Amino acid sequence: MLYLCLDTSTPILDCAIISGETILADICKNAGKEHSTVALPAIAELFQRTRLTPQDIDIFVATNGPGSFTGTRIGAAIIQAMAHATAKKPAGISTLELMAWSGADGTVSPIIDARRDAVFNAVYHKTGNTLTEITPPRRIQRAELANEQTIESCEHKWNAWAKTPKITQELKLIYLGGSI
């Protein structure tokens, strides 16, 4: 299964062609607010590097937020157009979930700037190929998040979810994102 994945929900443009769990080619660059002019040339470069064409792709994937509303719409429009042009399936994934998948095993807390001293955040527990949501995606003030997210509070939430008295392995709280 070949995937073309595109994330335009943050100032960092990230796109990749993936086969199963193997990244065949990827581009990650600071696009600022220029996703509309940077994304298509980046995708063309991926196809050139891999010697694939859009017709070879099975599923076209875009992040669906949270993040920049305009950036998310740009990514969705590109993916929808490419899927439509090739009669293939488009798909979406949460930006926070995608960030959590990229982290190491442990309790993962992706963070995206939401402006006005707030962030978009969720908490997941990642073990190998399993990602479990502990705290659903939300918009939260930075100060509130700082007070809330301690190892102990995440361990308590994880234990409550797992209905076990104790985590058997050492708990790691991993923050991901440029808004820390």
C-alpha atoms as a PDB file:
ATOM      1  CA  MET A   1       0.000   0.000   0.000  1.00  0.00           C
ATOM      2  CA  LEU A   2       1.464   3.363  -1.038  1.00  0.00           C
ATOM      3  CA  TYR A   3       0.503   6.547   0.810  1.00  0.00           C
ATOM      4  CA  LEU A   4       1.142  10.186  -0.004  1.00  0.00           C
ATOM      5  CA  CYS A   5       0.970  12.049   3.311  1.00  0.00           C
ATOM      6  CA  LEU A   6       0.811  15.833   3.671  1.00  0.00           C
ATOM      7  CA  ASP A   7       0.834  17.991   6.817  1.00  0.00           C
ATOM      8  CA  THR A   8       0.246  21.709   6.322  1.00  0.00           C
ATOM      9  CA  SER A   9      -1.405  22.432   9.689  1.00  0.00           C
ATOM     10  CA  THR A  10       1.676  24.062  11.250  1.00  0.00           C
ATOM     11  CA  PRO A  11       4.408  26.340   9.848  1.00  0.00           C
ATOM     12  CA  ILE A  12       6.412  23.173   9.131  1.00  0.00           C
ATOM     13  CA  LEU A  13       5.473  21.538   5.834  1.00  0.00           C
ATOM     14  CA  ASP A  14       5.863  17.784   6.048  1.00  0.00           C
ATOM     15  CA  CYS A  15       5.137  15.421   3.173  1.00  0.00           C
ATOM     16  CA  ALA A  16       6.132  11.836   2.515  1.00  0.00           C
ATOM     17  CA  ILE A  17       5.546   8.839   0.332  1.00  0.00           C
ATOM     18  CA  ILE A  18       5.227   5.756   2.484  1.00  0.00           C
ATOM     19  CA  SER A  19       5.063   2.078   1.559  1.00  0.00           C
ATOM     20  CA  GLY A  20       3.561   0.112   4.448  1.00  0.00           C
ATOM     21  CA  GLU A  21       5.662   1.330   7.374  1.00  0.00           C
ATOM     22  CA  THR A  22       8.669   2.370   5.278  1.00  0.00           C
ATOM     23  CA  ILE A  23       9.252   6.011   4.355  1.00  0.00           C
ATOM     24  CA  LEU A  24      10.410   6.017   0.731  1.00  0.00           C
ATOM     25  CA  ALA A  25      10.987   9.786   0.613  1.00  0.00           C
ATOM     26  CA  ASP A  26      10.062  12.749   2.770  1.00  0.00           C
ATOM     27  CA  ILE A  27      10.447  16.505   2.879  1.00  0.00           C
ATOM     28  CA  CYS A  28      10.221  18.560   6.042  1.00  0.00           C
ATOM     29  CA  LYS A  29      10.791  22.309   5.795  1.00  0.00           C
ATOM     30  CA  ASN A  30       9.738  25.532   7.422  1.00  0.00           C
ATOM     31  CA  ALA A  31       7.141  26.905   5.018  1.00  0.00           C
ATOM     32  CA  GLY A  32       5.888  29.629   7.354  1.00  0.00           C
ATOM     33  CA  LYS A  33       2.683  30.852   5.755  1.00  0.00           C
ATOM     34  CA  GLU A  34       3.698  29.802   2.229  1.00  0.00           C
ATOM     35  CA  HIS A  35       2.175  26.311   2.081  1.00  0.00           C
ATOM     36  CA  SER A  36       0.173  27.267  -0.999  1.00  0.00           C
ATOM     37  CA  THR A  37       3.374  27.881  -2.977  1.00  0.00           C
ATOM     38  CA  VAL A  38       5.655  25.279  -1.357  1.00  0.00           C
ATOM     39  CA  ALA A  39       3.494  22.138  -1.019  1.00  0.00           C
ATOM     40  CA  LEU A  40       2.997  21.204  -4.684  1.00  0.00           C
ATOM     41  CA  PRO A  41       6.686  21.578  -5.646  1.00  0.00           C
ATOM     42  CA  ALA A  42       7.594  19.464  -2.584  1.00  0.00           C
ATOM     43  CA  ILE A  43       5.163  16.737  -3.648  1.00  0.00           C
ATOM     44  CA  ALA A  44       6.560  16.848  -7.204  1.00  0.00           C
ATOM     45  CA  GLU A  45      10.048  16.406  -5.755  1.00  0.00           C
ATOM     46  CA  LEU A  46       8.867  13.330  -3.789  1.00  0.00           C
ATOM     47  CA  PHE A  47       7.540  11.754  -6.980  1.00  0.00           C
ATOM     48  CA  GLN A  48      10.784  12.561  -8.781  1.00  0.00           C
ATOM     49  CA  ARG A  49      12.921  11.039  -5.994  1.00  0.00           C
ATOM     50  CA  THR A  50      10.862   7.836  -5.834  1.00  0.00           C
ATOM     51  CA  ARG A  51      10.217   7.589  -9.587  1.00  0.00           C
ATOM     52  CA  LEU A  52       6.532   7.118  -8.779  1.00  0.00           C
ATOM     53  CA  THR A  53       3.504   8.933 -10.180  1.00  0.00           C
ATOM     54  CA  PRO A  54       0.265  10.024  -8.492  1.00  0.00           C
ATOM     55  CA  GLN A  55      -1.436   7.037 -10.174  1.00  0.00           C
ATOM     56  CA  ASP A  56       0.830   4.709  -8.146  1.00  0.00           C
ATOM     57  CA  ILE A  57      -0.501   6.059  -4.828  1.00  0.00           C
ATOM     58  CA  ASP A  58      -3.248   4.021  -3.131  1.00  0.00           C
ATOM     59  CA  ILE A  59      -4.330   6.492  -0.434  1.00  0.00           C
ATOM     60  CA  PHE A  60      -3.782  10.255  -0.199  1.00  0.00           C
ATOM     61  CA  VAL A  61      -3.607  11.495   3.418  1.00  0.00           C
ATOM     62  CA  ALA A  62      -3.798  15.013   4.875  1.00  0.00           C
ATOM     63  CA  THR A  63      -3.771  16.187   8.471  1.00  0.00           C
ATOM     64  CA  ASN A  64      -7.134  17.613   9.501  1.00  0.00           C
ATOM     65  CA  GLY A  65      -6.052  19.756  12.439  1.00  0.00           C
ATOM     66  CA  PRO A  66      -5.905  21.158  14.914  1.00  0.00           C
ATOM     67  CA  GLY A  67      -3.586  23.852  13.677  1.00  0.00           C
ATOM     68  CA  SER A  68      -3.655  26.635  11.131  1.00  0.00           C
ATOM     69  CA  PHE A  69      -7.121  26.772   9.584  1.00  0.00           C
ATOM     70  CA  THR A  70      -5.803  28.082   6.264  1.00  0.00           C
ATOM     71  CA  GLY A  71      -2.897  25.618   6.246  1.00  0.00           C
ATOM     72  CA  THR A  72      -5.230  22.711   6.950  1.00  0.00           C
ATOM     73  CA  ARG A  73      -7.542  23.776   4.108  1.00  0.00           C
ATOM     74  CA  ILE A  74      -4.585  24.014   1.705  1.00  0.00           C
ATOM     75  CA  GLY A  75      -3.467  20.479   2.547  1.00  0.00           C
ATOM     76  CA  ALA A  76      -6.995  19.094   2.345  1.00  0.00           C
ATOM     77  CA  ALA A  77      -7.592  20.757  -1.036  1.00  0.00           C
ATOM     78  CA  ILE A  78      -4.356  19.365  -2.488  1.00  0.00           C
ATOM     79  CA  ILE A  79      -5.041  15.843  -1.216  1.00  0.00           C
ATOM     80  CA  GLN A  80      -8.704  15.936  -2.329  1.00  0.00           C
ATOM     81  CA  ALA A  81      -7.695  17.119  -5.813  1.00  0.00           C
ATOM     82  CA  MET A  82      -4.997  14.464  -6.210  1.00  0.00           C
ATOM     83  CA  ALA A  83      -7.310  11.702  -4.959  1.00  0.00           C
ATOM     84  CA  HIS A  84     -10.096  12.857  -7.259  1.00  0.00           C
ATOM     85  CA  ALA A  85      -7.771  13.127 -10.285  1.00  0.00           C
ATOM     86  CA  THR A  86      -6.552   9.563  -9.767  1.00  0.00           C
ATOM     87  CA  ALA A  87      -9.890   8.078  -8.598  1.00  0.00           C
ATOM     88  CA  LYS A  88      -8.232   7.030  -5.332  1.00  0.00           C
ATOM     89  CA  LYS A  89      -9.227   7.456  -1.696  1.00  0.00           C
ATOM     90  CA  PRO A  90      -8.461  10.548   0.383  1.00  0.00           C
ATOM     91  CA  ALA A  91      -8.045  10.186   4.148  1.00  0.00           C
ATOM     92  CA  GLY A  92      -7.445  12.444   7.135  1.00  0.00           C
ATOM     93  CA  ILE A  93      -5.570  12.099  10.395  1.00  0.00           C
ATOM     94  CA  SER A  94      -5.429  14.336  13.464  1.00  0.00           C
ATOM     95  CA  THR A  95      -2.267  16.437  13.587  1.00  0.00           C
ATOM     96  CA  LEU A  96      -1.872  15.628  17.288  1.00  0.00           C
ATOM     97  CA  GLU A  97      -2.264  11.893  16.673  1.00  0.00           C
ATOM     98  CA  LEU A  98       0.288  12.017  13.865  1.00  0.00           C
ATOM     99  CA  MET A  99       2.741  13.809  16.163  1.00  0.00           C
ATOM    100  CA  ALA A 100       2.147  11.197  18.871  1.00  0.00           C
ATOM    101  CA  TRP A 101       2.925   8.366  16.452  1.00  0.00           C
ATOM    102  CA  SER A 102       6.284  10.006  15.725  1.00  0.00           C
ATOM    103  CA  GLY A 103       7.313   9.972  19.403  1.00  0.00           C
ATOM    104  CA  ALA A 104       9.116   7.318  21.383  1.00  0.00           C
ATOM    105  CA  ASP A 105       7.238   4.759  23.468  1.00  0.00           C
ATOM    106  CA  GLY A 106       5.782   6.216  26.651  1.00  0.00           C
ATOM    107  CA  THR A 107       3.245   8.878  27.517  1.00  0.00           C
ATOM    108  CA  VAL A 108       3.322  11.363  24.674  1.00  0.00           C
ATOM    109  CA  SER A 109       1.952  14.914  24.819  1.00  0.00           C
ATOM    110  CA  PRO A 110       1.909  16.652  21.405  1.00  0.00           C
ATOM    111  CA  ILE A 111       1.570  20.445  21.550  1.00  0.00           C
ATOM    112  CA  ILE A 112       0.690  22.953  18.813  1.00  0.00           C
ATOM    113  CA  ASP A 113       0.550  26.721  19.315  1.00  0.00           C
ATOM    114  CA  ALA A 114      -3.064  27.951  19.399  1.00  0.00           C
ATOM    115  CA  ARG A 115      -2.115  31.628  19.926  1.00  0.00           C
ATOM    116  CA  ARG A 116      -3.273  33.891  22.751  1.00  0.00           C
ATOM    117  CA  ASP A 117      -1.118  31.964  25.238  1.00  0.00           C
ATOM    118  CA  ALA A 118      -2.920  28.692  24.504  1.00  0.00           C
ATOM    119  CA  VAL A 119      -1.990  25.395  22.838  1.00  0.00           C
ATOM    120  CA  PHE A 120      -3.743  22.484  21.190  1.00  0.00           C
ATOM    121  CA  ASN A 121      -2.856  19.358  23.132  1.00  0.00           C
ATOM    122  CA  ALA A 122      -3.754  15.741  23.774  1.00  0.00           C
ATOM    123  CA  VAL A 123      -2.086  12.970  25.755  1.00  0.00           C
ATOM    124  CA  TYR A 124      -1.488   9.495  24.354  1.00  0.00           C
ATOM    125  CA  HIS A 125       0.258   6.376  25.587  1.00  0.00           C
ATOM    126  CA  LYS A 126       2.374   4.779  22.861  1.00  0.00           C
ATOM    127  CA  THR A 127       3.675   1.240  23.007  1.00  0.00           C
ATOM    128  CA  GLY A 128       5.091  -0.148  19.778  1.00  0.00           C
ATOM    129  CA  ASN A 129       2.296  -0.116  17.191  1.00  0.00           C
ATOM    130  CA  THR A 130      -0.398   0.829  19.717  1.00  0.00           C
ATOM    131  CA  LEU A 131      -1.506   4.382  20.470  1.00  0.00           C
ATOM    132  CA  THR A 132      -4.054   4.912  23.251  1.00  0.00           C
ATOM    133  CA  GLU A 133      -5.705   8.278  23.840  1.00  0.00           C
ATOM    134  CA  ILE A 134      -5.547   9.322  27.506  1.00  0.00           C
ATOM    135  CA  THR A 135      -6.696  12.953  27.199  1.00  0.00           C
ATOM    136  CA  PRO A 136      -8.695  13.888  24.086  1.00  0.00           C
ATOM    137  CA  PRO A 137      -7.582  16.743  21.818  1.00  0.00           C
ATOM    138  CA  ARG A 138      -8.336  20.140  23.313  1.00  0.00           C
ATOM    139  CA  ARG A 139      -7.395  23.823  23.397  1.00  0.00           C
ATOM    140  CA  ILE A 140      -5.871  24.736  26.761  1.00  0.00           C
ATOM    141  CA  GLN A 141      -4.050  27.708  28.269  1.00  0.00           C
ATOM    142  CA  ARG A 142      -0.287  27.148  28.595  1.00  0.00           C
ATOM    143  CA  ALA A 143      -0.303  27.836  32.346  1.00  0.00           C
ATOM    144  CA  GLU A 144      -3.143  25.371  32.912  1.00  0.00           C
ATOM    145  CA  LEU A 145      -1.316  22.712  30.912  1.00  0.00           C
ATOM    146  CA  ALA A 146       1.915  23.320  32.835  1.00  0.00           C
ATOM    147  CA  ASN A 147       0.077  22.868  36.141  1.00  0.00           C
ATOM    148  CA  GLU A 148      -1.797  19.813  34.939  1.00  0.00           C
ATOM    149  CA  GLN A 149       0.818  17.794  33.098  1.00  0.00           C
ATOM    150  CA  THR A 150       3.121  16.195  35.542  1.00  0.00           C
ATOM    151  CA  ILE A 151       4.333  12.634  35.503  1.00  0.00           C
ATOM    152  CA  GLU A 152       2.016  11.889  38.429  1.00  0.00           C
ATOM    153  CA  SER A 153      -1.127  13.267  36.750  1.00  0.00           C
ATOM    154  CA  CYS A 154      -0.414  11.377  33.518  1.00  0.00           C
ATOM    155  CA  GLU A 155       0.343   8.205  35.470  1.00  0.00           C
ATOM    156  CA  HIS A 156      -2.965   8.612  37.338  1.00  0.00           C
ATOM    157  CA  LYS A 157      -4.903   9.062  34.066  1.00  0.00           C
ATOM    158  CA  TRP A 158      -3.152   6.086  32.476  1.00  0.00           C
ATOM    159  CA  ASN A 159      -3.815   3.878  35.507  1.00  0.00           C
ATOM    160  CA  ALA A 160      -7.463   4.936  35.539  1.00  0.00           C
ATOM    161  CA  TRP A 161      -7.790   4.127  31.854  1.00  0.00           C
ATOM    162  CA  ALA A 162      -5.977   0.792  32.118  1.00  0.00           C
ATOM    163  CA  LYS A 163      -7.809  -0.055  35.399  1.00  0.00           C
ATOM    164  CA  THR A 164      -4.583  -1.350  36.864  1.00  0.00           C
ATOM    165  CA  PRO A 165      -3.066  -0.265  40.175  1.00  0.00           C
ATOM    166  CA  LYS A 166       0.355   0.500  38.735  1.00  0.00           C
ATOM    167  CA  ILE A 167       2.229   0.831  35.481  1.00  0.00           C
ATOM    168  CA  THR A 168       4.701  -2.014  35.283  1.00  0.00           C
ATOM    169  CA  GLN A 169       7.293  -0.027  33.339  1.00  0.00           C
ATOM    170  CA  GLU A 170       8.826   3.345  34.078  1.00  0.00           C
ATOM    171  CA  LEU A 171       6.577   6.182  32.909  1.00  0.00           C
ATOM    172  CA  LYS A 172       8.075   8.669  30.475  1.00  0.00           C
ATOM    173  CA  LEU A 173       6.305  11.915  29.605  1.00  0.00           C
ATOM    174  CA  ILE A 174       7.446  13.060  26.175  1.00  0.00           C
ATOM    175  CA  TYR A 175       6.526  16.516  24.829  1.00  0.00           C
ATOM    176  CA  LEU A 176       6.397  16.949  21.050  1.00  0.00           C
ATOM    177  CA  GLY A 177       6.014  20.139  19.052  1.00  0.00           C
ATOM    178  CA  GLY A 178       7.462  23.557  18.542  1.00  0.00           C
ATOM    179  CA  SER A 179       5.161  25.265  21.052  1.00  0.00           C
ATOM    180  CA  ILE A 180       6.679  23.985  24.270  1.00  0.00           C
END
